[in-house]
Amino acid sequence: MQVALAGSFVALNFGYWCTASRRRTHSWNMSEIYHVVEHHTEHCIESSYTRCLFAVIRASDSAQWLKDTNAVPNTPFWTKWLEEAYQNRHDVKFDAVAEMRKLVTAQISALQRRQSIARS
């Protein structure tokens, strides 16, 4: 039993050593498995997180992955913004930041109404 354990330990260490001794260009070269396309957009360079998110939605033609990866909070507010952004992803006149401000203003107004009703 001890000989088998020692033999497996030696074999594993030898495998790890062989893997580590390979050239770095071969160690994590995933180019044969994945095809990566770089999208450069001016929205992500100079501006806000909201504009960058919208640029990524437009480039990827999807918004679901933002929820799946927790890139945005899982709240009704963000869900509404993601729906609006996804629906308008092909509209060049859509202003993602203005839409965000509109939703924030509406949410603040709703909270203020709730507080005033609670005080009454």
PDB file of N, CA and C in Angstrom:
ATOM      1  N   MET A   1       0.818  -1.188   0.000  1.00  0.00           N
ATOM      2  CA  MET A   1       0.000   0.000   0.000  1.00  0.00           C
ATOM      3  C   MET A   1       0.870   1.265   0.000  1.00  0.00           C
ATOM      4  N   GLN A   2       1.896   1.279   0.849  1.00  0.00           N
ATOM      5  CA  GLN A   2       2.773   2.438   0.916  1.00  0.00           C
ATOM      6  C   GLN A   2       3.590   2.592  -0.359  1.00  0.00           C
ATOM      7  N   VAL A   3       3.965   1.478  -0.965  1.00  0.00           N
ATOM      8  CA  VAL A   3       4.722   1.534  -2.220  1.00  0.00           C
ATOM      9  C   VAL A   3       3.848   2.095  -3.334  1.00  0.00           C
ATOM     10  N   ALA A   4       2.579   1.714  -3.369  1.00  0.00           N
ATOM     11  CA  ALA A   4       1.658   2.225  -4.388  1.00  0.00           C
ATOM     12  C   ALA A   4       1.431   3.727  -4.197  1.00  0.00           C
ATOM     13  N   LEU A   5       1.263   4.138  -2.960  1.00  0.00           N
ATOM     14  CA  LEU A   5       1.084   5.561  -2.661  1.00  0.00           C
ATOM     15  C   LEU A   5       2.326   6.365  -3.043  1.00  0.00           C
ATOM     16  N   ALA A   6       3.492   5.859  -2.711  1.00  0.00           N
ATOM     17  CA  ALA A   6       4.740   6.549  -3.060  1.00  0.00           C
ATOM     18  C   ALA A   6       4.925   6.593  -4.573  1.00  0.00           C
ATOM     19  N   GLY A   7       4.573   5.509  -5.250  1.00  0.00           N
ATOM     20  CA  GLY A   7       4.702   5.475  -6.713  1.00  0.00           C
ATOM     21  C   GLY A   7       3.773   6.478  -7.391  1.00  0.00           C
ATOM     22  N   SER A   8       2.533   6.582  -6.906  1.00  0.00           N
ATOM     23  CA  SER A   8       1.602   7.558  -7.490  1.00  0.00           C
ATOM     24  C   SER A   8       2.069   8.982  -7.200  1.00  0.00           C
ATOM     25  N   PHE A   9       2.644   9.209  -6.015  1.00  0.00           N
ATOM     26  CA  PHE A   9       3.168  10.530  -5.671  1.00  0.00           C
ATOM     27  C   PHE A   9       4.303  10.917  -6.612  1.00  0.00           C
ATOM     28  N   VAL A  10       5.213   9.996  -6.872  1.00  0.00           N
ATOM     29  CA  VAL A  10       6.339  10.248  -7.781  1.00  0.00           C
ATOM     30  C   VAL A  10       5.828  10.497  -9.196  1.00  0.00           C
ATOM     31  N   ALA A  11       4.855   9.700  -9.650  1.00  0.00           N
ATOM     32  CA  ALA A  11       4.316   9.869 -11.005  1.00  0.00           C
ATOM     33  C   ALA A  11       3.628  11.209 -11.175  1.00  0.00           C
ATOM     34  N   LEU A  12       2.833  11.606 -10.185  1.00  0.00           N
ATOM     35  CA  LEU A  12       2.164  12.912 -10.262  1.00  0.00           C
ATOM     36  C   LEU A  12       3.167  14.052 -10.256  1.00  0.00           C
ATOM     37  N   ASN A  13       4.150  13.989  -9.394  1.00  0.00           N
ATOM     38  CA  ASN A  13       5.164  15.047  -9.352  1.00  0.00           C
ATOM     39  C   ASN A  13       5.944  15.126 -10.658  1.00  0.00           C
ATOM     40  N   PHE A  14       6.236  13.990 -11.239  1.00  0.00           N
ATOM     41  CA  PHE A  14       6.920  13.990 -12.527  1.00  0.00           C
ATOM     42  C   PHE A  14       6.050  14.651 -13.597  1.00  0.00           C
ATOM     43  N   GLY A  15       4.757  14.355 -13.592  1.00  0.00           N
ATOM     44  CA  GLY A  15       3.829  14.988 -14.539  1.00  0.00           C
ATOM     45  C   GLY A  15       3.756  16.486 -14.355  1.00  0.00           C
ATOM     46  N   TYR A  16       3.670  16.934 -13.087  1.00  0.00           N
ATOM     47  CA  TYR A  16       3.649  18.368 -12.812  1.00  0.00           C
ATOM     48  C   TYR A  16       4.948  19.033 -13.259  1.00  0.00           C
ATOM     49  N   TRP A  17       6.059  18.384 -13.024  1.00  0.00           N
ATOM     50  CA  TRP A  17       7.349  18.938 -13.416  1.00  0.00           C
ATOM     51  C   TRP A  17       7.427  19.063 -14.936  1.00  0.00           C
ATOM     52  N   CYS A  18       6.981  18.048 -15.664  1.00  0.00           N
ATOM     53  CA  CYS A  18       7.004  18.097 -17.134  1.00  0.00           C
ATOM     54  C   CYS A  18       6.114  19.217 -17.659  1.00  0.00           C
ATOM     55  N   THR A  19       4.951  19.381 -17.048  1.00  0.00           N
ATOM     56  CA  THR A  19       4.035  20.444 -17.469  1.00  0.00           C
ATOM     57  C   THR A  19       4.644  21.819 -17.204  1.00  0.00           C
ATOM     58  N   ALA A  20       5.250  21.998 -16.064  1.00  0.00           N
ATOM     59  CA  ALA A  20       5.837  23.292 -15.711  1.00  0.00           C
ATOM     60  C   ALA A  20       7.060  23.616 -16.551  1.00  0.00           C
ATOM     61  N   SER A  21       7.733  22.609 -17.053  1.00  0.00           N
ATOM     62  CA  SER A  21       8.960  22.870 -17.808  1.00  0.00           C
ATOM     63  C   SER A  21       8.682  23.218 -19.271  1.00  0.00           C
ATOM     64  N   ARG A  22       7.441  23.106 -19.712  1.00  0.00           N
ATOM     65  CA  ARG A  22       7.107  23.474 -21.091  1.00  0.00           C
ATOM     66  C   ARG A  22       7.229  24.979 -21.269  1.00  0.00           C
ATOM     67  N   ARG A  23       7.391  25.400 -22.501  1.00  0.00           N
ATOM     68  CA  ARG A  23       7.460  26.829 -22.770  1.00  0.00           C
ATOM     69  C   ARG A  23       6.123  27.489 -22.421  1.00  0.00           C
ATOM     70  N   ARG A  24       6.196  28.714 -21.949  1.00  0.00           N
ATOM     71  CA  ARG A  24       4.972  29.413 -21.531  1.00  0.00           C
ATOM     72  C   ARG A  24       3.989  29.601 -22.675  1.00  0.00           C
ATOM     73  N   THR A  25       4.474  29.711 -23.880  1.00  0.00           N
ATOM     74  CA  THR A  25       3.566  29.916 -25.008  1.00  0.00           C
ATOM     75  C   THR A  25       2.672  28.704 -25.233  1.00  0.00           C
ATOM     76  N   HIS A  26       3.110  27.545 -24.764  1.00  0.00           N
ATOM     77  CA  HIS A  26       2.299  26.342 -24.923  1.00  0.00           C
ATOM     78  C   HIS A  26       1.467  26.016 -23.691  1.00  0.00           C
ATOM     79  N   SER A  27       1.819  26.587 -22.556  1.00  0.00           N
ATOM     80  CA  SER A  27       1.137  26.222 -21.320  1.00  0.00           C
ATOM     81  C   SER A  27      -0.336  26.609 -21.323  1.00  0.00           C
ATOM     82  N   TRP A  28      -0.613  27.860 -21.637  1.00  0.00           N
ATOM     83  CA  TRP A  28      -1.991  28.321 -21.594  1.00  0.00           C
ATOM     84  C   TRP A  28      -2.456  28.811 -22.957  1.00  0.00           C
ATOM     85  N   ASN A  29      -2.007  28.193 -23.994  1.00  0.00           N
ATOM     86  CA  ASN A  29      -2.404  28.580 -25.336  1.00  0.00           C
ATOM     87  C   ASN A  29      -3.762  27.964 -25.648  1.00  0.00           C
ATOM     88  N   MET A  30      -4.800  28.786 -25.596  1.00  0.00           N
ATOM     89  CA  MET A  30      -6.155  28.312 -25.839  1.00  0.00           C
ATOM     90  C   MET A  30      -6.663  28.719 -27.219  1.00  0.00           C
ATOM     91  N   SER A  31      -5.763  29.180 -28.075  1.00  0.00           N
ATOM     92  CA  SER A  31      -6.188  29.681 -29.378  1.00  0.00           C
ATOM     93  C   SER A  31      -6.780  28.601 -30.272  1.00  0.00           C
ATOM     94  N   GLU A  32      -6.422  27.357 -30.032  1.00  0.00           N
ATOM     95  CA  GLU A  32      -6.999  26.282 -30.826  1.00  0.00           C
ATOM     96  C   GLU A  32      -8.411  25.945 -30.384  1.00  0.00           C
ATOM     97  N   ILE A  33      -8.745  26.292 -29.142  1.00  0.00           N
ATOM     98  CA  ILE A  33     -10.061  25.972 -28.595  1.00  0.00           C
ATOM     99  C   ILE A  33     -11.025  27.144 -28.750  1.00  0.00           C
ATOM    100  N   TYR A  34     -10.555  28.354 -28.453  1.00  0.00           N
ATOM    101  CA  TYR A  34     -11.418  29.528 -28.460  1.00  0.00           C
ATOM    102  C   TYR A  34     -10.994  30.501 -29.550  1.00  0.00           C
ATOM    103  N   HIS A  35     -11.979  31.152 -30.136  1.00  0.00           N
ATOM    104  CA  HIS A  35     -11.720  32.208 -31.112  1.00  0.00           C
ATOM    105  C   HIS A  35     -12.111  33.527 -30.448  1.00  0.00           C
ATOM    106  N   VAL A  36     -11.147  34.378 -30.211  1.00  0.00           N
ATOM    107  CA  VAL A  36     -11.381  35.639 -29.527  1.00  0.00           C
ATOM    108  C   VAL A  36     -11.387  36.767 -30.544  1.00  0.00           C
ATOM    109  N   VAL A  37     -12.444  37.566 -30.497  1.00  0.00           N
ATOM    110  CA  VAL A  37     -12.559  38.724 -31.366  1.00  0.00           C
ATOM    111  C   VAL A  37     -12.566  39.957 -30.477  1.00  0.00           C
ATOM    112  N   GLU A  38     -11.649  40.858 -30.724  1.00  0.00           N
ATOM    113  CA  GLU A  38     -11.585  42.076 -29.928  1.00  0.00           C
ATOM    114  C   GLU A  38     -12.476  43.139 -30.546  1.00  0.00           C
ATOM    115  N   HIS A  39     -13.296  43.737 -29.704  1.00  0.00           N
ATOM    116  CA  HIS A  39     -14.151  44.838 -30.125  1.00  0.00           C
ATOM    117  C   HIS A  39     -13.694  46.077 -29.368  1.00  0.00           C
ATOM    118  N   HIS A  40     -13.265  47.060 -30.090  1.00  0.00           N
ATOM    119  CA  HIS A  40     -12.865  48.315 -29.460  1.00  0.00           C
ATOM    120  C   HIS A  40     -13.992  49.310 -29.683  1.00  0.00           C
ATOM    121  N   THR A  41     -14.410  49.910 -28.604  1.00  0.00           N
ATOM    122  CA  THR A  41     -15.476  50.896 -28.710  1.00  0.00           C
ATOM    123  C   THR A  41     -15.080  52.147 -27.946  1.00  0.00           C
ATOM    124  N   GLU A  42     -15.427  53.270 -28.497  1.00  0.00           N
ATOM    125  CA  GLU A  42     -15.080  54.536 -27.868  1.00  0.00           C
ATOM    126  C   GLU A  42     -15.883  54.765 -26.591  1.00  0.00           C
ATOM    127  N   HIS A  43     -17.004  54.060 -26.432  1.00  0.00           N
ATOM    128  CA  HIS A  43     -17.839  54.269 -25.252  1.00  0.00           C
ATOM    129  C   HIS A  43     -17.169  53.788 -23.972  1.00  0.00           C
ATOM    130  N   CYS A  44     -16.339  52.796 -24.058  1.00  0.00           N
ATOM    131  CA  CYS A  44     -15.720  52.236 -22.852  1.00  0.00           C
ATOM    132  C   CYS A  44     -14.442  52.965 -22.469  1.00  0.00           C
ATOM    133  N   ILE A  45     -13.904  53.746 -23.352  1.00  0.00           N
ATOM    134  CA  ILE A  45     -12.638  54.402 -23.074  1.00  0.00           C
ATOM    135  C   ILE A  45     -12.837  55.640 -22.204  1.00  0.00           C
ATOM    136  N   GLU A  46     -13.790  56.475 -22.562  1.00  0.00           N
ATOM    137  CA  GLU A  46     -13.881  57.770 -21.921  1.00  0.00           C
ATOM    138  C   GLU A  46     -15.057  57.934 -20.985  1.00  0.00           C
ATOM    139  N   SER A  47     -15.835  56.912 -20.783  1.00  0.00           N
ATOM    140  CA  SER A  47     -17.085  57.235 -20.119  1.00  0.00           C
ATOM    141  C   SER A  47     -17.441  56.311 -18.973  1.00  0.00           C
ATOM    142  N   SER A  48     -18.712  56.272 -18.686  1.00  0.00           N
ATOM    143  CA  SER A  48     -19.213  55.619 -17.484  1.00  0.00           C
ATOM    144  C   SER A  48     -19.407  54.118 -17.654  1.00  0.00           C
ATOM    145  N   TYR A  49     -19.629  53.490 -16.533  1.00  0.00           N
ATOM    146  CA  TYR A  49     -19.908  52.054 -16.508  1.00  0.00           C
ATOM    147  C   TYR A  49     -21.185  51.749 -17.301  1.00  0.00           C
ATOM    148  N   THR A  50     -22.155  52.633 -17.206  1.00  0.00           N
ATOM    149  CA  THR A  50     -23.423  52.443 -17.912  1.00  0.00           C
ATOM    150  C   THR A  50     -23.210  52.443 -19.420  1.00  0.00           C
ATOM    151  N   ARG A  51     -22.458  53.408 -19.929  1.00  0.00           N
ATOM    152  CA  ARG A  51     -22.188  53.451 -21.378  1.00  0.00           C
ATOM    153  C   ARG A  51     -21.407  52.221 -21.823  1.00  0.00           C
ATOM    154  N   CYS A  52     -20.465  51.819 -21.002  1.00  0.00           N
ATOM    155  CA  CYS A  52     -19.666  50.650 -21.334  1.00  0.00           C
ATOM    156  C   CYS A  52     -20.534  49.396 -21.357  1.00  0.00           C
ATOM    157  N   LEU A  53     -21.425  49.247 -20.379  1.00  0.00           N
ATOM    158  CA  LEU A  53     -22.345  48.107 -20.382  1.00  0.00           C
ATOM    159  C   LEU A  53     -23.208  48.091 -21.638  1.00  0.00           C
ATOM    160  N   PHE A  54     -23.704  49.265 -22.009  1.00  0.00           N
ATOM    161  CA  PHE A  54     -24.536  49.336 -23.206  1.00  0.00           C
ATOM    162  C   PHE A  54     -23.732  48.994 -24.460  1.00  0.00           C
ATOM    163  N   ALA A  55     -22.491  49.447 -24.527  1.00  0.00           N
ATOM    164  CA  ALA A  55     -21.643  49.110 -25.676  1.00  0.00           C
ATOM    165  C   ALA A  55     -21.409  47.603 -25.758  1.00  0.00           C
ATOM    166  N   VAL A  56     -21.250  46.977 -24.608  1.00  0.00           N
ATOM    167  CA  VAL A  56     -21.038  45.527 -24.590  1.00  0.00           C
ATOM    168  C   VAL A  56     -22.317  44.789 -24.973  1.00  0.00           C
ATOM    169  N   ILE A  57     -23.470  45.284 -24.516  1.00  0.00           N
ATOM    170  CA  ILE A  57     -24.753  44.684 -24.927  1.00  0.00           C
ATOM    171  C   ILE A  57     -24.909  44.794 -26.428  1.00  0.00           C
ATOM    172  N   ARG A  58     -24.563  45.942 -26.965  1.00  0.00           N
ATOM    173  CA  ARG A  58     -24.666  46.150 -28.410  1.00  0.00           C
ATOM    174  C   ARG A  58     -23.705  45.223 -29.170  1.00  0.00           C
ATOM    175  N   ALA A  59     -22.495  45.075 -28.682  1.00  0.00           N
ATOM    176  CA  ALA A  59     -21.502  44.249 -29.372  1.00  0.00           C
ATOM    177  C   ALA A  59     -21.815  42.754 -29.263  1.00  0.00           C
ATOM    178  N   SER A  60     -22.295  42.341 -28.097  1.00  0.00           N
ATOM    179  CA  SER A  60     -22.551  40.906 -27.892  1.00  0.00           C
ATOM    180  C   SER A  60     -23.955  40.500 -28.302  1.00  0.00           C
ATOM    181  N   ASP A  61     -24.841  41.466 -28.502  1.00  0.00           N
ATOM    182  CA  ASP A  61     -26.240  41.218 -28.863  1.00  0.00           C
ATOM    183  C   ASP A  61     -26.947  40.384 -27.796  1.00  0.00           C
ATOM    184  N   SER A  62     -26.533  40.577 -26.532  1.00  0.00           N
ATOM    185  CA  SER A  62     -27.139  39.847 -25.418  1.00  0.00           C
ATOM    186  C   SER A  62     -26.953  40.645 -24.139  1.00  0.00           C
ATOM    187  N   ALA A  63     -27.942  40.510 -23.231  1.00  0.00           N
ATOM    188  CA  ALA A  63     -27.840  41.159 -21.933  1.00  0.00           C
ATOM    189  C   ALA A  63     -27.950  40.150 -20.796  1.00  0.00           C
ATOM    190  N   GLN A  64     -28.347  38.948 -21.099  1.00  0.00           N
ATOM    191  CA  GLN A  64     -28.551  37.932 -20.065  1.00  0.00           C
ATOM    192  C   GLN A  64     -27.265  37.601 -19.316  1.00  0.00           C
ATOM    193  N   TRP A  65     -26.153  37.583 -20.026  1.00  0.00           N
ATOM    194  CA  TRP A  65     -24.893  37.219 -19.373  1.00  0.00           C
ATOM    195  C   TRP A  65     -24.497  38.222 -18.298  1.00  0.00           C
ATOM    196  N   LEU A  66     -24.983  39.472 -18.389  1.00  0.00           N
ATOM    197  CA  LEU A  66     -24.681  40.459 -17.353  1.00  0.00           C
ATOM    198  C   LEU A  66     -25.315  40.057 -16.024  1.00  0.00           C
ATOM    199  N   LYS A  67     -26.516  39.480 -16.096  1.00  0.00           N
ATOM    200  CA  LYS A  67     -27.155  38.977 -14.874  1.00  0.00           C
ATOM    201  C   LYS A  67     -26.471  37.705 -14.398  1.00  0.00           C
ATOM    202  N   ASP A  68     -26.170  36.825 -15.341  1.00  0.00           N
ATOM    203  CA  ASP A  68     -25.580  35.529 -14.990  1.00  0.00           C
ATOM    204  C   ASP A  68     -24.213  35.669 -14.328  1.00  0.00           C
ATOM    205  N   THR A  69     -23.454  36.669 -14.721  1.00  0.00           N
ATOM    206  CA  THR A  69     -22.103  36.857 -14.172  1.00  0.00           C
ATOM    207  C   THR A  69     -22.065  37.869 -13.029  1.00  0.00           C
ATOM    208  N   ASN A  70     -23.241  38.354 -12.637  1.00  0.00           N
ATOM    209  CA  ASN A  70     -23.347  39.354 -11.562  1.00  0.00           C
ATOM    210  C   ASN A  70     -22.593  40.637 -11.889  1.00  0.00           C
ATOM    211  N   ALA A  71     -22.575  41.014 -13.153  1.00  0.00           N
ATOM    212  CA  ALA A  71     -21.952  42.280 -13.549  1.00  0.00           C
ATOM    213  C   ALA A  71     -22.823  43.452 -13.125  1.00  0.00           C
ATOM    214  N   VAL A  72     -24.113  43.194 -12.949  1.00  0.00           N
ATOM    215  CA  VAL A  72     -25.049  44.195 -12.443  1.00  0.00           C
ATOM    216  C   VAL A  72     -25.826  43.564 -11.288  1.00  0.00           C
ATOM    217  N   PRO A  73     -26.276  44.370 -10.346  1.00  0.00           N
ATOM    218  CA  PRO A  73     -27.050  43.811  -9.235  1.00  0.00           C
ATOM    219  C   PRO A  73     -28.362  43.196  -9.727  1.00  0.00           C
ATOM    220  N   ASN A  74     -28.830  42.200  -9.032  1.00  0.00           N
ATOM    221  CA  ASN A  74     -30.071  41.536  -9.393  1.00  0.00           C
ATOM    222  C   ASN A  74     -31.233  42.229  -8.671  1.00  0.00           C
ATOM    223  N   THR A  75     -31.590  43.416  -9.187  1.00  0.00           N
ATOM    224  CA  THR A  75     -32.672  44.216  -8.614  1.00  0.00           C
ATOM    225  C   THR A  75     -33.658  44.572  -9.718  1.00  0.00           C
ATOM    226  N   PRO A  76     -34.895  44.912  -9.353  1.00  0.00           N
ATOM    227  CA  PRO A  76     -35.866  45.311 -10.381  1.00  0.00           C
ATOM    228  C   PRO A  76     -35.403  46.519 -11.192  1.00  0.00           C
ATOM    229  N   PHE A  77     -34.699  47.440 -10.538  1.00  0.00           N
ATOM    230  CA  PHE A  77     -34.185  48.631 -11.218  1.00  0.00           C
ATOM    231  C   PHE A  77     -33.233  48.249 -12.357  1.00  0.00           C
ATOM    232  N   TRP A  78     -32.228  47.420 -12.042  1.00  0.00           N
ATOM    233  CA  TRP A  78     -31.257  47.019 -13.058  1.00  0.00           C
ATOM    234  C   TRP A  78     -31.893  46.114 -14.112  1.00  0.00           C
ATOM    235  N   THR A  79     -32.825  45.279 -13.698  1.00  0.00           N
ATOM    236  CA  THR A  79     -33.520  44.423 -14.664  1.00  0.00           C
ATOM    237  C   THR A  79     -34.263  45.272 -15.678  1.00  0.00           C
ATOM    238  N   LYS A  80     -34.928  46.323 -15.213  1.00  0.00           N
ATOM    239  CA  LYS A  80     -35.646  47.236 -16.116  1.00  0.00           C
ATOM    240  C   LYS A  80     -34.670  47.926 -17.069  1.00  0.00           C
ATOM    241  N   TRP A  81     -33.529  48.396 -16.541  1.00  0.00           N
ATOM    242  CA  TRP A  81     -32.556  49.066 -17.399  1.00  0.00           C
ATOM    243  C   TRP A  81     -31.989  48.098 -18.443  1.00  0.00           C
ATOM    244  N   LEU A  82     -31.700  46.878 -18.031  1.00  0.00           N
ATOM    245  CA  LEU A  82     -31.182  45.886 -18.983  1.00  0.00           C
ATOM    246  C   LEU A  82     -32.196  45.588 -20.081  1.00  0.00           C
ATOM    247  N   GLU A  83     -33.465  45.507 -19.723  1.00  0.00           N
ATOM    248  CA  GLU A  83     -34.510  45.287 -20.738  1.00  0.00           C
ATOM    249  C   GLU A  83     -34.543  46.442 -21.733  1.00  0.00           C
ATOM    250  N   GLU A  84     -34.515  47.672 -21.205  1.00  0.00           N
ATOM    251  CA  GLU A  84     -34.521  48.855 -22.082  1.00  0.00           C
ATOM    252  C   GLU A  84     -33.282  48.887 -22.975  1.00  0.00           C
ATOM    253  N   ALA A  85     -32.142  48.612 -22.387  1.00  0.00           N
ATOM    254  CA  ALA A  85     -30.896  48.638 -23.159  1.00  0.00           C
ATOM    255  C   ALA A  85     -30.907  47.562 -24.241  1.00  0.00           C
ATOM    256  N   TYR A  86     -31.383  46.375 -23.902  1.00  0.00           N
ATOM    257  CA  TYR A  86     -31.416  45.290 -24.891  1.00  0.00           C
ATOM    258  C   TYR A  86     -32.393  45.602 -26.021  1.00  0.00           C
ATOM    259  N   GLN A  87     -33.556  46.151 -25.680  1.00  0.00           N
ATOM    260  CA  GLN A  87     -34.540  46.485 -26.704  1.00  0.00           C
ATOM    261  C   GLN A  87     -34.040  47.579 -27.647  1.00  0.00           C
ATOM    262  N   ASN A  88     -33.191  48.456 -27.143  1.00  0.00           N
ATOM    263  CA  ASN A  88     -32.692  49.573 -27.944  1.00  0.00           C
ATOM    264  C   ASN A  88     -31.250  49.386 -28.403  1.00  0.00           C
ATOM    265  N   ARG A  89     -30.755  48.177 -28.411  1.00  0.00           N
ATOM    266  CA  ARG A  89     -29.347  47.934 -28.739  1.00  0.00           C
ATOM    267  C   ARG A  89     -28.978  48.327 -30.160  1.00  0.00           C
ATOM    268  N   HIS A  90     -29.939  48.374 -31.067  1.00  0.00           N
ATOM    269  CA  HIS A  90     -29.653  48.749 -32.450  1.00  0.00           C
ATOM    270  C   HIS A  90     -29.983  50.217 -32.733  1.00  0.00           C
ATOM    271  N   ASP A  91     -30.526  50.911 -31.756  1.00  0.00           N
ATOM    272  CA  ASP A  91     -30.901  52.310 -31.914  1.00  0.00           C
ATOM    273  C   ASP A  91     -29.697  53.195 -31.599  1.00  0.00           C
ATOM    274  N   VAL A  92     -29.166  53.865 -32.607  1.00  0.00           N
ATOM    275  CA  VAL A  92     -27.968  54.699 -32.397  1.00  0.00           C
ATOM    276  C   VAL A  92     -28.289  55.951 -31.594  1.00  0.00           C
ATOM    277  N   LYS A  93     -29.556  56.350 -31.510  1.00  0.00           N
ATOM    278  CA  LYS A  93     -29.936  57.541 -30.759  1.00  0.00           C
ATOM    279  C   LYS A  93     -30.248  57.245 -29.295  1.00  0.00           C
ATOM    280  N   PHE A  94     -30.246  55.989 -28.910  1.00  0.00           N
ATOM    281  CA  PHE A  94     -30.561  55.626 -27.527  1.00  0.00           C
ATOM    282  C   PHE A  94     -29.430  56.080 -26.610  1.00  0.00           C
ATOM    283  N   ASP A  95     -29.791  56.805 -25.568  1.00  0.00           N
ATOM    284  CA  ASP A  95     -28.816  57.286 -24.586  1.00  0.00           C
ATOM    285  C   ASP A  95     -28.963  56.463 -23.312  1.00  0.00           C
ATOM    286  N   ALA A  96     -28.052  55.550 -23.103  1.00  0.00           N
ATOM    287  CA  ALA A  96     -28.123  54.632 -21.963  1.00  0.00           C
ATOM    288  C   ALA A  96     -28.031  55.367 -20.636  1.00  0.00           C
ATOM    289  N   VAL A  97     -27.230  56.410 -20.588  1.00  0.00           N
ATOM    290  CA  VAL A  97     -27.065  57.156 -19.343  1.00  0.00           C
ATOM    291  C   VAL A  97     -28.328  57.954 -19.031  1.00  0.00           C
ATOM    292  N   ALA A  98     -28.938  58.561 -20.038  1.00  0.00           N
ATOM    293  CA  ALA A  98     -30.187  59.298 -19.825  1.00  0.00           C
ATOM    294  C   ALA A  98     -31.292  58.352 -19.361  1.00  0.00           C
ATOM    295  N   GLU A  99     -31.332  57.161 -19.924  1.00  0.00           N
ATOM    296  CA  GLU A  99     -32.322  56.163 -19.497  1.00  0.00           C
ATOM    297  C   GLU A  99     -32.078  55.761 -18.039  1.00  0.00           C
ATOM    298  N   MET A 100     -30.825  55.613 -17.682  1.00  0.00           N
ATOM    299  CA  MET A 100     -30.484  55.277 -16.300  1.00  0.00           C
ATOM    300  C   MET A 100     -30.924  56.400 -15.364  1.00  0.00           C
ATOM    301  N   ARG A 101     -30.661  57.642 -15.753  1.00  0.00           N
ATOM    302  CA  ARG A 101     -31.063  58.781 -14.921  1.00  0.00           C
ATOM    303  C   ARG A 101     -32.581  58.842 -14.766  1.00  0.00           C
ATOM    304  N   LYS A 102     -33.284  58.556 -15.855  1.00  0.00           N
ATOM    305  CA  LYS A 102     -34.752  58.559 -15.808  1.00  0.00           C
ATOM    306  C   LYS A 102     -35.249  57.503 -14.822  1.00  0.00           C
ATOM    307  N   LEU A 103     -34.671  56.321 -14.868  1.00  0.00           N
ATOM    308  CA  LEU A 103     -35.074  55.256 -13.954  1.00  0.00           C
ATOM    309  C   LEU A 103     -34.715  55.587 -12.506  1.00  0.00           C
ATOM    310  N   VAL A 104     -33.547  56.186 -12.297  1.00  0.00           N
ATOM    311  CA  VAL A 104     -33.137  56.584 -10.939  1.00  0.00           C
ATOM    312  C   VAL A 104     -34.089  57.642 -10.395  1.00  0.00           C
ATOM    313  N   THR A 105     -34.430  58.616 -11.210  1.00  0.00           N
ATOM    314  CA  THR A 105     -35.354  59.668 -10.785  1.00  0.00           C
ATOM    315  C   THR A 105     -36.709  59.085 -10.433  1.00  0.00           C
ATOM    316  N   ALA A 106     -37.196  58.162 -11.249  1.00  0.00           N
ATOM    317  CA  ALA A 106     -38.482  57.522 -10.967  1.00  0.00           C
ATOM    318  C   ALA A 106     -38.419  56.715  -9.675  1.00  0.00           C
ATOM    319  N   GLN A 107     -37.323  56.040  -9.435  1.00  0.00           N
ATOM    320  CA  GLN A 107     -37.186  55.250  -8.216  1.00  0.00           C
ATOM    321  C   GLN A 107     -37.117  56.155  -6.984  1.00  0.00           C
ATOM    322  N   ILE A 108     -36.397  57.252  -7.082  1.00  0.00           N
ATOM    323  CA  ILE A 108     -36.302  58.199  -5.956  1.00  0.00           C
ATOM    324  C   ILE A 108     -37.677  58.796  -5.662  1.00  0.00           C
ATOM    325  N   SER A 109     -38.409  59.156  -6.706  1.00  0.00           N
ATOM    326  CA  SER A 109     -39.755  59.716  -6.513  1.00  0.00           C
ATOM    327  C   SER A 109     -40.666  58.705  -5.834  1.00  0.00           C
ATOM    328  N   ALA A 110     -40.581  57.447  -6.249  1.00  0.00           N
ATOM    329  CA  ALA A 110     -41.410  56.405  -5.635  1.00  0.00           C
ATOM    330  C   ALA A 110     -41.052  56.232  -4.163  1.00  0.00           C
ATOM    331  N   LEU A 111     -39.766  56.266  -3.842  1.00  0.00           N
ATOM    332  CA  LEU A 111     -39.344  56.143  -2.443  1.00  0.00           C
ATOM    333  C   LEU A 111     -39.816  57.327  -1.609  1.00  0.00           C
ATOM    334  N   GLN A 112     -39.744  58.531  -2.182  1.00  0.00           N
ATOM    335  CA  GLN A 112     -40.195  59.717  -1.460  1.00  0.00           C
ATOM    336  C   GLN A 112     -41.702  59.667  -1.219  1.00  0.00           C
ATOM    337  N   ARG A 113     -42.464  59.171  -2.215  1.00  0.00           N
ATOM    338  CA  ARG A 113     -43.914  59.028  -2.029  1.00  0.00           C
ATOM    339  C   ARG A 113     -44.221  58.021  -0.920  1.00  0.00           C
ATOM    340  N   ARG A 114     -43.482  56.909  -0.895  1.00  0.00           N
ATOM    341  CA  ARG A 114     -43.693  55.898   0.145  1.00  0.00           C
ATOM    342  C   ARG A 114     -43.392  56.476   1.537  1.00  0.00           C
ATOM    343  N   GLN A 115     -42.329  57.267   1.624  1.00  0.00           N
ATOM    344  CA  GLN A 115     -41.967  57.858   2.915  1.00  0.00           C
ATOM    345  C   GLN A 115     -43.005  58.862   3.367  1.00  0.00           C
ATOM    346  N   SER A 116     -43.525  59.656   2.444  1.00  0.00           N
ATOM    347  CA  SER A 116     -44.533  60.639   2.825  1.00  0.00           C
ATOM    348  C   SER A 116     -45.839  59.969   3.234  1.00  0.00           C
ATOM    349  N   ILE A 117     -46.162  58.855   2.590  1.00  0.00           N
ATOM    350  CA  ILE A 117     -47.375  58.101   2.965  1.00  0.00           C
ATOM    351  C   ILE A 117     -47.172  57.462   4.332  1.00  0.00           C
ATOM    352  N   ALA A 118     -45.983  56.945   4.594  1.00  0.00           N
ATOM    353  CA  ALA A 118     -45.691  56.315   5.874  1.00  0.00           C
ATOM    354  C   ALA A 118     -45.738  57.319   7.022  1.00  0.00           C
ATOM    355  N   ARG A 119     -45.354  58.559   6.754  1.00  0.00           N
ATOM    356  CA  ARG A 119     -45.362  59.597   7.784  1.00  0.00           C
ATOM    357  C   ARG A 119     -46.783  60.070   8.087  1.00  0.00           C
ATOM    358  N   SER A 120     -47.636  59.965   7.109  1.00  0.00           N
ATOM    359  CA  SER A 120     -49.023  60.463   7.287  1.00  0.00           C
ATOM    360  C   SER A 120     -49.841  59.617   8.219  1.00  0.00           C
TER     361      SER A 120
END
